[in-house]
Protein backbone atom coordinates (compact mmCIF):
# COMPACT_ATOMS: atom_id res chain seq x y z
CA MET A 1 90.41 79.32 86.18
CA ALA A 2 86.99 79.87 87.76
CA MET A 3 85.68 83.37 88.00
CA VAL A 4 84.67 83.77 92.06
CA LEU A 5 82.11 86.55 93.06
CA LEU A 6 84.21 89.43 94.52
CA PRO A 7 83.06 91.67 97.43
CA GLY A 8 82.85 94.90 94.99
CA HIS A 9 83.80 96.00 92.07
CA ALA A 10 88.03 95.97 91.21
CA LEU A 11 89.01 93.40 90.35
CA SER A 12 98.00 92.03 93.69
CA VAL A 13 98.83 94.67 91.74
CA ALA A 14 99.63 93.11 87.80
CA ASN A 15 103.05 93.94 86.47
CA GLY A 16 104.21 95.36 90.21
CA ASN A 17 107.10 95.13 92.30
CA ASP A 18 107.48 93.44 95.47
CA VAL A 19 107.62 95.49 98.55
CA ALA A 20 110.74 94.69 100.60
CA ALA A 21 110.16 94.01 104.36
CA GLY A 22 110.15 96.93 106.33
CA ARG A 23 108.56 99.33 103.43
CA TYR A 24 105.11 100.40 103.33
CA GLU A 25 104.04 98.41 106.88
CA PHE A 26 100.94 100.67 106.85
CA ALA A 27 99.46 98.57 104.14
CA VAL A 28 96.50 96.16 105.16
CA ALA A 29 95.32 92.82 103.73
CA LEU A 30 91.76 92.05 104.66
CA THR A 31 90.56 88.43 104.41
CA MET A 32 87.03 87.92 104.65
CA LYS A 33 85.73 84.32 105.88
CA GLY A 34 81.47 83.07 105.34
CA ILE A 35 80.60 85.82 103.08
CA THR A 36 76.71 85.36 102.43
CA ARG A 37 75.67 84.97 99.01
CA PRO A 38 71.89 86.36 97.88
CA ASP A 39 71.21 82.37 97.62
CA GLY A 40 71.97 81.80 101.35
CA THR A 41 75.24 80.14 100.24
CA LYS A 42 78.90 81.55 101.57
CA TYR A 43 82.34 82.49 100.10
CA ASP A 44 85.37 83.83 101.02
CA SER A 45 87.00 87.06 99.63
CA ALA A 46 89.39 89.49 100.65
CA CYS A 47 90.50 93.64 100.02
CA SER A 48 93.15 95.73 100.82
CA ALA A 49 93.18 98.91 103.00
CA ALA A 50 95.92 100.97 104.89
CA LEU A 51 96.18 101.74 108.56
CA ILE A 52 95.14 105.49 109.24
CA ALA A 53 95.35 105.40 113.05
CA PRO A 54 96.14 102.75 115.81
CA ARG A 55 92.57 101.27 115.32
CA TRP A 56 91.46 102.55 112.17
CA ILE A 57 91.92 101.55 108.36
CA ALA A 58 90.66 102.96 105.36
CA THR A 59 89.60 100.69 102.59
CA ALA A 60 86.87 100.99 99.68
CA GLY A 61 83.12 100.90 100.78
CA HIS A 62 81.92 98.30 98.78
CA CYS A 63 84.21 95.83 100.63
CA PHE A 64 82.17 95.39 103.46
CA HIS A 65 78.43 94.84 102.25
CA ASP A 66 75.36 92.69 102.97
CA GLY A 67 73.79 89.89 101.11
CA ALA A 68 72.34 91.57 98.40
CA HIS A 69 75.70 93.34 98.13
CA HIS A 70 74.66 96.91 99.30
CA PRO A 71 77.31 98.75 101.45
CA VAL A 72 76.18 98.51 105.37
CA SER A 73 77.68 99.92 108.12
CA GLY A 74 78.02 98.47 111.41
CA PRO A 75 79.95 94.86 112.65
CA PRO A 76 80.95 93.61 109.59
CA ARG A 77 78.43 90.95 107.81
CA TYR A 78 80.68 88.03 107.49
CA GLU A 79 82.01 85.47 110.08
CA ARG A 80 85.29 86.88 110.17
CA THR A 81 87.34 89.68 108.91
CA ILE A 82 90.97 89.39 109.49
CA ALA A 83 92.94 92.49 109.01
CA THR A 84 96.73 91.36 108.42
CA VAL A 85 99.22 94.92 109.28
CA GLY A 86 102.97 95.23 109.29
CA ARG A 87 104.59 92.89 107.01
CA ALA A 88 105.19 92.47 103.38
CA SER A 89 104.51 88.76 103.35
CA LEU A 90 100.95 87.79 103.82
CA HIS A 91 102.14 84.15 106.11
CA GLY A 92 105.75 86.03 106.83
CA LYS A 93 106.99 86.60 110.52
CA GLY A 94 105.76 89.35 112.62
CA GLY A 95 103.27 91.91 111.89
CA HIS A 96 99.78 91.67 113.55
CA ASP A 97 96.52 89.87 112.53
CA THR A 98 93.58 91.43 114.07
CA GLU A 99 89.96 91.59 113.65
CA VAL A 100 87.70 94.22 111.96
CA ILE A 101 84.91 94.90 114.59
CA TRP A 102 83.06 97.91 113.23
CA VAL A 103 82.62 99.75 109.81
CA GLN A 104 81.57 103.26 108.70
CA GLN A 105 80.77 104.05 105.26
CA ALA A 106 81.24 107.63 103.87
CA PRO A 107 77.97 109.43 104.54
CA ASN A 108 77.59 110.27 100.99
CA PRO A 109 77.15 107.02 99.02
CA ASP A 110 78.88 108.78 95.70
CA TYR A 111 82.06 107.79 97.64
CA ASP A 112 82.69 104.32 97.50
CA PHE A 113 85.02 104.55 100.70
CA ALA A 114 84.91 103.44 104.44
CA ILE A 115 86.45 103.15 107.42
CA ALA A 116 86.77 100.63 109.91
CA LYS A 117 87.81 99.82 113.67
CA LEU A 118 90.41 97.08 114.80
CA ALA A 119 89.95 94.64 117.76
CA GLU A 120 93.58 95.73 119.13
CA PRO A 121 95.26 98.73 118.40
CA ILE A 122 98.69 98.60 116.22
CA HIS A 123 101.27 101.17 117.92
CA ASP A 124 104.48 99.67 116.36
CA VAL A 125 103.46 100.94 112.79
CA ARG A 126 103.27 104.43 111.59
CA PRO A 127 99.59 104.95 110.32
CA LEU A 128 99.42 106.55 106.88
CA ALA A 129 98.55 110.27 107.06
CA ILE A 130 95.51 111.75 105.08
CA SER A 131 96.02 114.25 102.47
CA ARG A 132 94.51 117.70 102.72
CA ALA A 133 95.07 118.69 99.35
CA LYS A 134 92.97 117.92 96.00
CA PRO A 135 94.87 115.92 94.33
CA GLY A 136 95.51 117.41 90.44
CA ALA A 137 96.23 115.90 86.56
CA GLY A 138 100.09 114.60 86.13
CA GLN A 139 100.26 113.82 89.83
CA ALA A 140 102.24 110.74 90.27
CA VAL A 141 100.46 108.44 93.34
CA ARG A 142 101.90 105.06 94.68
CA MET A 143 99.63 102.34 95.44
CA THR A 144 100.44 99.04 97.47
CA GLY A 145 98.05 96.12 97.26
CA TRP A 146 97.61 92.89 98.49
CA GLY A 147 95.88 91.37 95.23
CA ALA A 148 95.79 88.56 93.05
CA ALA A 149 98.07 88.70 89.48
CA THR A 150 95.28 88.25 87.36
CA ALA A 151 91.48 88.79 86.61
CA GLU A 152 90.93 85.25 86.90
CA VAL A 153 91.18 83.77 90.64
CA ASP A 154 89.18 81.15 93.13
CA GLY A 155 89.49 82.78 96.21
CA PRO A 156 91.69 84.91 98.44
CA GLU A 157 94.37 81.63 98.30
CA ASP A 158 94.95 82.83 94.70
CA ARG A 159 96.66 86.33 96.12
CA LEU A 160 100.15 86.52 95.44
CA GLU A 161 102.40 85.96 98.83
CA ARG A 162 104.45 89.41 98.44
CA LEU A 163 102.78 92.84 98.81
CA GLN A 164 102.77 94.63 95.59
CA THR A 165 103.32 98.39 94.64
CA GLY A 166 103.45 100.78 91.66
CA VAL A 167 103.35 104.04 90.49
CA TRP A 168 100.14 105.63 88.85
CA SER A 169 99.68 108.97 87.41
CA ILE A 170 96.40 110.83 87.75
CA THR A 171 94.61 111.71 84.40
CA GLN A 172 91.13 113.27 85.81
CA VAL A 173 89.48 114.42 89.44
CA THR A 174 86.12 114.87 90.15
CA LYS A 175 84.26 115.80 93.49
CA THR A 176 84.55 111.95 94.40
CA THR A 177 86.81 110.26 92.66
CA VAL A 178 90.23 109.98 90.80
CA LEU A 179 91.02 107.98 87.65
CA ALA A 180 94.58 106.89 87.20
CA GLN A 181 97.14 104.83 84.76
CA GLY A 182 100.03 102.83 85.39
CA THR A 183 103.06 104.00 84.66
CA SER A 184 105.72 102.03 86.58
CA PRO A 185 107.23 99.49 86.17
CA GLU A 186 105.22 99.35 83.26
CA ARG A 187 102.28 100.78 81.24
CA THR A 188 100.09 97.46 82.26
CA THR A 189 101.09 97.65 85.88
CA SER A 190 97.08 97.49 87.21
CA ALA A 191 95.09 96.58 89.98
CA CYS A 192 93.61 93.31 90.04
CA PRO A 193 91.05 91.12 92.24
CA TYR A 194 91.63 91.79 95.93
CA ASP A 195 93.60 94.90 95.34
CA SER A 196 89.87 97.07 95.69
CA GLY A 197 90.64 99.68 98.67
CA ALA A 198 94.18 99.63 98.50
CA PRO A 199 95.87 102.99 99.48
CA TYR A 200 97.11 105.37 96.74
CA PHE A 201 99.57 107.86 98.07
CA ALA A 202 102.15 110.86 97.63
CA LYS A 203 104.70 112.32 99.33
CA ARG A 204 104.14 116.26 100.79
CA ASP A 205 106.06 117.95 103.11
CA GLY A 206 108.20 114.94 104.06
CA THR A 207 105.32 112.49 104.57
CA LEU A 208 103.41 110.25 102.62
CA ARG A 209 99.62 110.55 102.52
CA LEU A 210 96.55 109.10 101.46
CA VAL A 211 95.42 110.35 98.39
CA ALA A 212 92.75 107.78 97.29
CA VAL A 213 91.43 104.23 97.36
CA GLU A 214 91.00 101.70 94.69
CA SER A 215 87.58 101.30 93.35
CA ASP A 216 86.87 99.72 90.16
CA GLY A 217 88.90 98.93 87.07
CA PRO A 218 88.96 96.96 83.88
CA SER A 219 90.22 93.31 84.22
CA CYS A 220 94.14 93.25 84.75
CA PRO A 221 96.53 93.20 83.53
CA HIS A 222 95.48 96.69 81.30
CA ASP A 223 96.74 100.26 80.10
CA LYS A 224 93.74 101.78 81.03
CA GLU A 225 92.28 104.06 83.92
CA GLU A 226 91.61 102.77 87.29
CA THR A 227 88.68 104.62 89.24
CA LEU A 228 89.76 105.60 92.66
CA ALA A 229 87.75 107.26 95.63
CA ARG A 230 88.85 110.38 96.67
CA VAL A 231 89.91 110.76 100.24
CA ASP A 232 90.45 114.48 101.05
CA PRO A 233 86.68 115.39 100.92
CA LEU A 234 86.15 113.27 103.56
CA LEU A 235 88.65 114.52 106.04
CA GLY A 236 86.35 116.05 108.68
CA TRP A 237 84.20 113.51 108.47
CA ILE A 238 87.25 110.97 109.37
CA THR A 239 87.96 112.59 112.23
CA ARG A 240 84.53 113.26 113.35
CA THR A 241 83.82 109.50 113.16
CA ILE A 242 87.07 108.21 115.29
CA LEU A 243 86.41 111.16 117.64
CA ALA A 244 82.74 109.47 118.14
CA HIS A 245 84.66 106.31 119.30
CA GLY A 246 86.26 108.03 122.02
CA ASP A 247 89.84 108.73 121.15
CA GLU A 248 90.48 112.43 120.35
CA ARG A 249 94.48 111.94 120.06
CA VAL A 250 93.91 109.01 117.37
CA ALA A 251 91.88 111.23 115.43
CA GLN A 252 94.67 113.46 115.53
CA GLN A 253 96.88 111.34 114.46
CA ALA A 254 94.91 109.91 111.47
CA VAL A 255 94.37 113.58 110.07
CA GLY A 256 97.98 114.76 110.38
CA SER A 257 98.44 118.00 108.85
CA GLY A 258 98.96 119.36 105.44
């Protein structure tokens, strides 16, 4: 199979588990239409994300770029970007399909992270809270992704129909990144094409909280480390950005507590 140019670094979850309907409804599938290559031709691609407030999602910064593959803020540079939220099957019933209308890259380019605004608020899906706590080595985190099952893909149509999940163990934490290795259901549970931006989360004080998002990793399947973008140092920036768009209640909902 021919490889396609993806909208970023990271190569659904290889050797993961299907997600049951009604679980992890904050998981977002991003479908990008009409992405411009440096030579002017266009292609389609995809990423994963998480709903963090009724009109906001969190994903990898490299999922939104210009024709030269530089991450950019503002309206997406693609013909269309559709966010699918609230269902465990790409083409199933229920849930929502809405446009991404604005992207804000993290202020420090060392963080491969961005938040994006949706055209319409989603009120019937509980957003994923954002962790305030620094992650630590040995911590278990779960990921949900809308990617393919192998590294060789022709386009978004090669994504698995069902949302996938697995568990990783954090091995190292830096100022901007987290390294994590798949542990369940297999040691080769790993991120694949279109899992870029997928949320890694853990339960704290009884609430699921976003710890990091998928940034980069070896070709899947593999038993090596994934590189994730840390989220906790960006909590203040996320709050200010949402406030700047005029909704204090939404900003507080995104931040949560703890």
